[in-house]
């Protein structure tokens, strides 16, 4: 009987030793690091983030207009008619929230790389929103909403947002 108790005690001790081996609990995955130069987000007019040639290449033929979306002062670029077939893109500098803060606030955000910049993607009823880590002091926000009947080459909302973000990165000056 004592031998059985001793064996049980030894087995329990080994089991407890394995549980307290100093292994650390799992942590949040590390956010990707920026692999391209830091960009300046201090553009005075967000409607200058895309050049006329870039707008033409993206088939965004409406006159860009400054708008306020969800508290962000940015620029809306459009194609087609406001309620008809076409698509819109919105771009703004978020100088109050870093990429890490955006990713933490949007727990379901998918992380990807856009032109060597870590990006958090949220796709919801407002469209596809990208937050790009282009600066240590803020993020570049790009949102695209593709309406039914938009040209097939535009793709879906996230494909359109990525194309716009890639173009804007080319116009942003290095910090």
Protein backbone atom coordinates (compact mmCIF):
# COMPACT_ATOMS: atom_id res chain seq x y z
CA UNK A 1 0.00 0.00 0.00
CA UNK A 2 2.79 2.38 0.93
CA UNK A 3 4.58 1.61 -2.32
CA UNK A 4 1.43 2.59 -4.24
CA UNK A 5 1.16 5.85 -2.29
CA UNK A 6 4.84 6.58 -2.86
CA UNK A 7 4.51 5.95 -6.60
CA UNK A 8 1.44 8.19 -6.75
CA UNK A 9 3.26 10.93 -4.84
CA UNK A 10 6.25 10.71 -7.19
CA UNK A 11 4.01 10.83 -10.27
CA UNK A 12 2.11 13.83 -8.87
CA UNK A 13 5.40 15.59 -8.10
CA UNK A 14 6.65 15.03 -11.64
CA UNK A 15 3.37 16.29 -13.04
CA UNK A 16 3.54 19.45 -10.92
CA UNK A 17 7.18 19.99 -11.83
CA UNK A 18 6.22 19.84 -15.51
CA UNK A 19 3.47 22.42 -14.96
CA UNK A 20 5.78 24.80 -13.16
CA UNK A 21 8.71 24.46 -15.53
CA UNK A 22 8.94 28.21 -15.99
CA UNK A 23 7.25 28.14 -19.38
CA UNK A 24 5.75 31.51 -20.16
CA UNK A 25 2.11 31.80 -21.15
CA UNK A 26 1.38 32.62 -24.79
CA UNK A 27 1.57 36.32 -25.62
CA UNK A 28 0.03 38.49 -28.29
CA UNK A 29 1.74 38.00 -31.65
CA UNK A 30 4.25 40.70 -32.41
CA UNK A 31 3.17 43.26 -34.95
CA UNK A 32 5.21 43.30 -38.16
CA UNK A 33 7.97 45.85 -38.53
CA UNK A 34 8.11 48.55 -41.21
CA UNK A 35 10.51 47.59 -44.02
CA UNK A 36 10.36 50.91 -45.89
CA UNK A 37 11.26 54.51 -45.02
CA UNK A 38 9.11 56.41 -42.55
CA UNK A 39 6.80 58.85 -44.33
CA UNK A 40 5.61 62.33 -43.40
CA UNK A 41 1.88 62.65 -42.68
CA UNK A 42 1.75 66.44 -42.54
CA UNK A 43 0.21 67.09 -45.96
CA UNK A 44 -1.75 70.33 -45.70
CA UNK A 45 -4.32 69.26 -48.29
CA UNK A 46 -5.29 65.57 -48.24
CA UNK A 47 -6.69 65.95 -51.76
CA UNK A 48 -3.10 66.25 -53.02
CA UNK A 49 -2.30 62.69 -51.86
CA UNK A 50 -3.07 61.45 -55.37
CA UNK A 51 -1.81 63.19 -58.51
CA UNK A 52 -3.95 63.77 -61.61
CA UNK A 53 -2.13 60.91 -63.37
CA UNK A 54 -2.75 58.57 -60.44
CA UNK A 55 -6.44 59.51 -60.33
CA UNK A 56 -6.72 58.79 -64.05
CA UNK A 57 -4.97 55.42 -63.68
CA UNK A 58 -7.37 54.50 -60.88
CA UNK A 59 -10.40 55.68 -62.92
CA UNK A 60 -11.35 58.16 -60.17
CA UNK A 61 -12.70 60.90 -62.42
CA UNK A 62 -14.79 62.94 -59.95
CA UNK A 63 -13.29 66.11 -58.51
CA UNK A 64 -11.61 65.23 -55.17
CA UNK A 65 -13.31 66.87 -52.19
CA UNK A 66 -12.35 67.38 -48.60
CA UNK A 67 -14.70 65.54 -46.27
CA UNK A 68 -14.97 64.48 -42.65
CA UNK A 69 -15.52 60.73 -42.17
CA UNK A 70 -15.80 59.26 -38.69
CA UNK A 71 -13.91 62.22 -37.24
CA UNK A 72 -11.09 62.11 -39.81
CA UNK A 73 -10.49 65.10 -42.05
CA UNK A 74 -9.48 63.67 -45.38
CA UNK A 75 -10.27 63.58 -49.06
CA UNK A 76 -12.83 61.59 -50.99
CA UNK A 77 -12.01 60.48 -54.51
CA UNK A 78 -14.86 59.12 -56.63
CA UNK A 79 -15.86 57.33 -59.77
CA UNK A 80 -19.27 57.08 -61.39
CA UNK A 81 -22.24 58.83 -59.80
CA UNK A 82 -22.68 59.19 -56.02
CA UNK A 83 -25.48 56.59 -55.80
CA UNK A 84 -24.90 54.68 -59.04
CA UNK A 85 -22.26 52.27 -60.27
CA UNK A 86 -18.75 53.22 -59.34
CA UNK A 87 -16.58 53.44 -56.29
CA UNK A 88 -15.15 55.89 -53.80
CA UNK A 89 -11.90 56.07 -51.89
CA UNK A 90 -11.23 58.12 -48.77
CA UNK A 91 -7.74 58.94 -47.51
CA UNK A 92 -6.64 60.71 -44.34
CA UNK A 93 -3.68 60.98 -42.00
CA UNK A 94 -4.48 59.79 -38.49
CA UNK A 95 -1.91 61.67 -36.46
CA UNK A 96 -3.55 60.66 -33.15
CA UNK A 97 -3.33 56.88 -33.43
CA UNK A 98 -0.46 54.61 -34.38
CA UNK A 99 -0.78 51.43 -36.40
CA UNK A 100 -0.39 49.40 -33.19
CA UNK A 101 -3.23 51.32 -31.52
CA UNK A 102 -5.48 50.83 -34.57
CA UNK A 103 -4.74 47.08 -34.61
CA UNK A 104 -5.45 46.80 -30.87
CA UNK A 105 -8.71 48.74 -31.18
CA UNK A 106 -9.92 46.53 -34.04
CA UNK A 107 -9.34 43.04 -32.62
CA UNK A 108 -10.58 41.35 -35.80
CA UNK A 109 -8.26 43.33 -38.06
CA UNK A 110 -6.33 41.23 -40.52
CA UNK A 111 -2.67 42.11 -40.84
CA UNK A 112 -0.95 42.29 -44.21
CA UNK A 113 1.85 44.09 -45.99
CA UNK A 114 1.18 46.88 -48.48
CA UNK A 115 4.26 48.19 -50.31
CA UNK A 116 6.53 47.12 -47.41
CA UNK A 117 4.36 48.83 -44.76
CA UNK A 118 2.55 46.78 -42.11
CA UNK A 119 -1.17 47.26 -42.61
CA UNK A 120 -4.27 46.45 -40.58
CA UNK A 121 -7.37 45.72 -42.68
CA UNK A 122 -10.97 45.97 -41.50
CA UNK A 123 -13.74 45.10 -43.96
CA UNK A 124 -17.24 46.11 -42.84
CA UNK A 125 -20.41 47.91 -44.00
CA UNK A 126 -18.45 51.17 -44.40
CA UNK A 127 -16.11 49.53 -46.91
CA UNK A 128 -12.59 48.23 -46.60
CA UNK A 129 -10.41 50.32 -44.28
CA UNK A 130 -6.64 50.05 -44.23
CA UNK A 131 -4.39 51.56 -41.57
CA UNK A 132 -0.81 51.68 -42.83
CA UNK A 133 2.19 51.99 -40.53
CA UNK A 134 3.98 54.71 -42.48
CA UNK A 135 5.04 56.82 -39.48
CA UNK A 136 5.97 56.44 -35.81
CA UNK A 137 3.47 59.16 -34.94
CA UNK A 138 0.40 58.08 -36.87
CA UNK A 139 -1.13 56.06 -39.66
CA UNK A 140 -2.32 56.53 -43.19
CA UNK A 141 -6.01 55.59 -43.39
CA UNK A 142 -7.46 54.51 -46.72
CA UNK A 143 -11.05 53.36 -47.15
CA UNK A 144 -12.65 52.12 -50.37
CA UNK A 145 -16.28 51.35 -51.05
CA UNK A 146 -17.08 49.61 -54.32
CA UNK A 147 -20.75 49.83 -55.28
CA UNK A 148 -22.60 47.27 -57.41
CA UNK A 149 -22.03 47.82 -61.10
CA UNK A 150 -18.51 49.23 -60.68
CA UNK A 151 -16.06 48.28 -63.43
CA UNK A 152 -14.73 44.75 -62.91
CA UNK A 153 -11.10 45.92 -63.05
CA UNK A 154 -11.61 47.88 -59.82
CA UNK A 155 -12.02 44.60 -57.94
CA UNK A 156 -13.58 44.43 -54.50
CA UNK A 157 -13.31 47.05 -51.79
CA UNK A 158 -10.07 45.76 -50.33
CA UNK A 159 -8.35 45.37 -53.69
CA UNK A 160 -9.34 48.95 -54.52
CA UNK A 161 -8.15 50.24 -51.13
CA UNK A 162 -4.78 48.53 -51.57
CA UNK A 163 -4.34 50.04 -55.04
CA UNK A 164 -5.11 53.53 -53.69
CA UNK A 165 -2.77 53.05 -50.72
CA UNK A 166 0.07 51.93 -53.00
CA UNK A 167 -0.38 55.07 -55.10
CA UNK A 168 -0.53 57.41 -52.09
CA UNK A 169 2.68 55.92 -50.64
CA UNK A 170 4.45 57.05 -53.80
CA UNK A 171 3.39 60.68 -53.22
CA UNK A 172 4.10 60.87 -49.47
CA UNK A 173 7.49 62.44 -48.75
CA UNK A 174 9.98 60.60 -46.55
CA UNK A 175 10.09 61.90 -42.99
